[in-house]
């Protein structure tokens, strides 16, 4: 678990998006609009077609499993764009790994 970090101390906030459905596109737009402060570092989706599309389009690594992404990528903030019924378990997983979470 990551601990004792100062988030964004002189650098961009590293953001990962979980769920590449309809609402995620708005988050991708917002991250791009605030690229002075934010850096997209990964996307995650269980749908291989969506995952391939957005990972390629955005030029970031794509993961089919949130657990793998959390272990392999240095993330400050995870944006959950999955169905709300999945948020609790996913948020807990992210928090356990030391990431902030936006739902």
C-alpha atoms as a PDB file:
ATOM      1  CA  UNK A   1       0.000   0.000   0.000  1.00  0.00           C
ATOM      2  CA  UNK A   2       1.236   3.498  -0.895  1.00  0.00           C
ATOM      3  CA  UNK A   3       1.530   5.823   2.106  1.00  0.00           C
ATOM      4  CA  UNK A   4       3.072   9.112   3.186  1.00  0.00           C
ATOM      5  CA  UNK A   5       2.783  10.819  -0.195  1.00  0.00           C
ATOM      6  CA  UNK A   6       2.043  14.433  -0.939  1.00  0.00           C
ATOM      7  CA  UNK A   7      -0.275  14.416  -3.927  1.00  0.00           C
ATOM      8  CA  UNK A   8       0.776  16.620  -6.859  1.00  0.00           C
ATOM      9  CA  UNK A   9       3.678  18.327  -5.158  1.00  0.00           C
ATOM     10  CA  UNK A  10       4.986  20.157  -8.217  1.00  0.00           C
ATOM     11  CA  UNK A  11       3.741  17.592 -10.731  1.00  0.00           C
ATOM     12  CA  UNK A  12       0.616  16.503 -12.564  1.00  0.00           C
ATOM     13  CA  UNK A  13      -1.984  14.358 -10.804  1.00  0.00           C
ATOM     14  CA  UNK A  14      -1.857  10.844 -12.285  1.00  0.00           C
ATOM     15  CA  UNK A  15      -5.402   9.737 -13.144  1.00  0.00           C
ATOM     16  CA  UNK A  16      -6.770   6.358 -14.220  1.00  0.00           C
ATOM     17  CA  UNK A  17     -10.311   5.787 -15.463  1.00  0.00           C
ATOM     18  CA  UNK A  18     -12.164   2.552 -14.743  1.00  0.00           C
ATOM     19  CA  UNK A  19     -15.046   1.860 -17.103  1.00  0.00           C
ATOM     20  CA  UNK A  20     -14.926   3.168 -20.677  1.00  0.00           C
ATOM     21  CA  UNK A  21     -18.644   3.624 -21.253  1.00  0.00           C
ATOM     22  CA  UNK A  22     -20.656   6.710 -22.062  1.00  0.00           C
ATOM     23  CA  UNK A  23     -19.819   8.806 -18.987  1.00  0.00           C
ATOM     24  CA  UNK A  24     -16.102   8.044 -19.226  1.00  0.00           C
ATOM     25  CA  UNK A  25     -15.863  10.084 -22.403  1.00  0.00           C
ATOM     26  CA  UNK A  26     -16.813  13.203 -20.424  1.00  0.00           C
ATOM     27  CA  UNK A  27     -14.040  12.438 -17.942  1.00  0.00           C
ATOM     28  CA  UNK A  28     -11.523  11.931 -20.753  1.00  0.00           C
ATOM     29  CA  UNK A  29     -12.538  15.350 -22.125  1.00  0.00           C
ATOM     30  CA  UNK A  30     -12.124  16.947 -18.690  1.00  0.00           C
ATOM     31  CA  UNK A  31      -8.713  15.370 -18.162  1.00  0.00           C
ATOM     32  CA  UNK A  32      -7.615  16.675 -21.568  1.00  0.00           C
ATOM     33  CA  UNK A  33      -9.025  20.133 -20.821  1.00  0.00           C
ATOM     34  CA  UNK A  34      -7.002  20.243 -17.579  1.00  0.00           C
ATOM     35  CA  UNK A  35      -3.853  18.635 -18.959  1.00  0.00           C
ATOM     36  CA  UNK A  36      -1.746  21.298 -17.264  1.00  0.00           C
ATOM     37  CA  UNK A  37      -2.589  19.612 -13.956  1.00  0.00           C
ATOM     38  CA  UNK A  38      -3.770  16.106 -14.894  1.00  0.00           C
ATOM     39  CA  UNK A  39      -2.127  13.165 -16.645  1.00  0.00           C
ATOM     40  CA  UNK A  40      -4.122  10.134 -17.789  1.00  0.00           C
ATOM     41  CA  UNK A  41      -1.994   7.093 -16.969  1.00  0.00           C
ATOM     42  CA  UNK A  42      -4.339   4.177 -17.660  1.00  0.00           C
ATOM     43  CA  UNK A  43      -7.798   2.929 -18.498  1.00  0.00           C
ATOM     44  CA  UNK A  44      -9.611  -0.191 -17.377  1.00  0.00           C
ATOM     45  CA  UNK A  45     -12.633  -2.001 -18.801  1.00  0.00           C
ATOM     46  CA  UNK A  46     -13.826  -5.588 -18.954  1.00  0.00           C
ATOM     47  CA  UNK A  47     -15.078  -5.118 -22.535  1.00  0.00           C
ATOM     48  CA  UNK A  48     -12.051  -5.859 -24.739  1.00  0.00           C
ATOM     49  CA  UNK A  49     -13.351  -3.791 -27.660  1.00  0.00           C
ATOM     50  CA  UNK A  50     -13.894  -0.662 -25.541  1.00  0.00           C
ATOM     51  CA  UNK A  51     -10.589  -1.190 -23.785  1.00  0.00           C
ATOM     52  CA  UNK A  52      -8.640  -1.499 -27.030  1.00  0.00           C
ATOM     53  CA  UNK A  53     -10.427   1.506 -28.538  1.00  0.00           C
ATOM     54  CA  UNK A  54      -9.793   3.917 -25.673  1.00  0.00           C
ATOM     55  CA  UNK A  55      -6.304   2.713 -24.741  1.00  0.00           C
ATOM     56  CA  UNK A  56      -5.265   3.190 -28.369  1.00  0.00           C
ATOM     57  CA  UNK A  57      -7.117   6.467 -28.862  1.00  0.00           C
ATOM     58  CA  UNK A  58      -5.720   7.974 -25.666  1.00  0.00           C
ATOM     59  CA  UNK A  59      -2.254   6.432 -25.898  1.00  0.00           C
ATOM     60  CA  UNK A  60      -2.277   4.890 -22.429  1.00  0.00           C
ATOM     61  CA  UNK A  61      -2.028   1.337 -21.111  1.00  0.00           C
ATOM     62  CA  UNK A  62      -5.294  -0.590 -20.958  1.00  0.00           C
ATOM     63  CA  UNK A  63      -6.221  -3.134 -18.312  1.00  0.00           C
ATOM     64  CA  UNK A  64      -9.045  -5.647 -18.133  1.00  0.00           C
ATOM     65  CA  UNK A  65      -8.575  -6.066 -14.371  1.00  0.00           C
ATOM     66  CA  UNK A  66      -8.549  -3.151 -11.919  1.00  0.00           C
ATOM     67  CA  UNK A  67      -6.354  -5.116  -9.502  1.00  0.00           C
ATOM     68  CA  UNK A  68      -3.618  -5.496 -12.114  1.00  0.00           C
ATOM     69  CA  UNK A  69      -3.822  -1.820 -13.064  1.00  0.00           C
ATOM     70  CA  UNK A  70      -3.515  -0.729  -9.434  1.00  0.00           C
ATOM     71  CA  UNK A  71      -0.399  -2.884  -8.997  1.00  0.00           C
ATOM     72  CA  UNK A  72       1.312  -1.901 -12.252  1.00  0.00           C
ATOM     73  CA  UNK A  73       0.564   1.827 -12.615  1.00  0.00           C
ATOM     74  CA  UNK A  74       1.492   4.691 -10.291  1.00  0.00           C
ATOM     75  CA  UNK A  75      -1.921   6.344  -9.786  1.00  0.00           C
ATOM     76  CA  UNK A  76      -3.010   9.239  -7.598  1.00  0.00           C
ATOM     77  CA  UNK A  77      -6.706   9.289  -8.499  1.00  0.00           C
ATOM     78  CA  UNK A  78      -9.025   6.610  -9.874  1.00  0.00           C
ATOM     79  CA  UNK A  79     -12.208   7.788 -11.572  1.00  0.00           C
ATOM     80  CA  UNK A  80     -14.907   5.109 -11.380  1.00  0.00           C
ATOM     81  CA  UNK A  81     -17.165   5.231 -14.434  1.00  0.00           C
ATOM     82  CA  UNK A  82     -18.570   1.764 -13.900  1.00  0.00           C
ATOM     83  CA  UNK A  83     -22.155   0.915 -12.928  1.00  0.00           C
ATOM     84  CA  UNK A  84     -22.842   2.292  -9.444  1.00  0.00           C
ATOM     85  CA  UNK A  85     -23.393  -1.168  -7.970  1.00  0.00           C
ATOM     86  CA  UNK A  86     -19.690  -1.872  -8.495  1.00  0.00           C
ATOM     87  CA  UNK A  87     -18.422   1.346  -6.909  1.00  0.00           C
ATOM     88  CA  UNK A  88     -18.223   0.204  -3.297  1.00  0.00           C
ATOM     89  CA  UNK A  89     -15.928  -2.763  -3.887  1.00  0.00           C
ATOM     90  CA  UNK A  90     -13.858  -0.881  -6.463  1.00  0.00           C
ATOM     91  CA  UNK A  91     -13.488   2.179  -4.225  1.00  0.00           C
ATOM     92  CA  UNK A  92     -12.376   0.016  -1.333  1.00  0.00           C
ATOM     93  CA  UNK A  93      -9.829  -1.745  -3.546  1.00  0.00           C
ATOM     94  CA  UNK A  94      -8.435   1.626  -4.724  1.00  0.00           C
ATOM     95  CA  UNK A  95      -8.301   3.050  -1.210  1.00  0.00           C
ATOM     96  CA  UNK A  96      -6.503  -0.060   0.003  1.00  0.00           C
ATOM     97  CA  UNK A  97      -3.849   0.615  -2.644  1.00  0.00           C
ATOM     98  CA  UNK A  98      -3.495   4.241  -1.511  1.00  0.00           C
ATOM     99  CA  UNK A  99      -5.402   5.903  -4.356  1.00  0.00           C
ATOM    100  CA  UNK A 100      -7.948   8.655  -4.081  1.00  0.00           C
ATOM    101  CA  UNK A 101     -11.280   7.805  -5.703  1.00  0.00           C
ATOM    102  CA  UNK A 102     -13.880   9.810  -7.638  1.00  0.00           C
ATOM    103  CA  UNK A 103     -17.289   8.272  -8.356  1.00  0.00           C
END
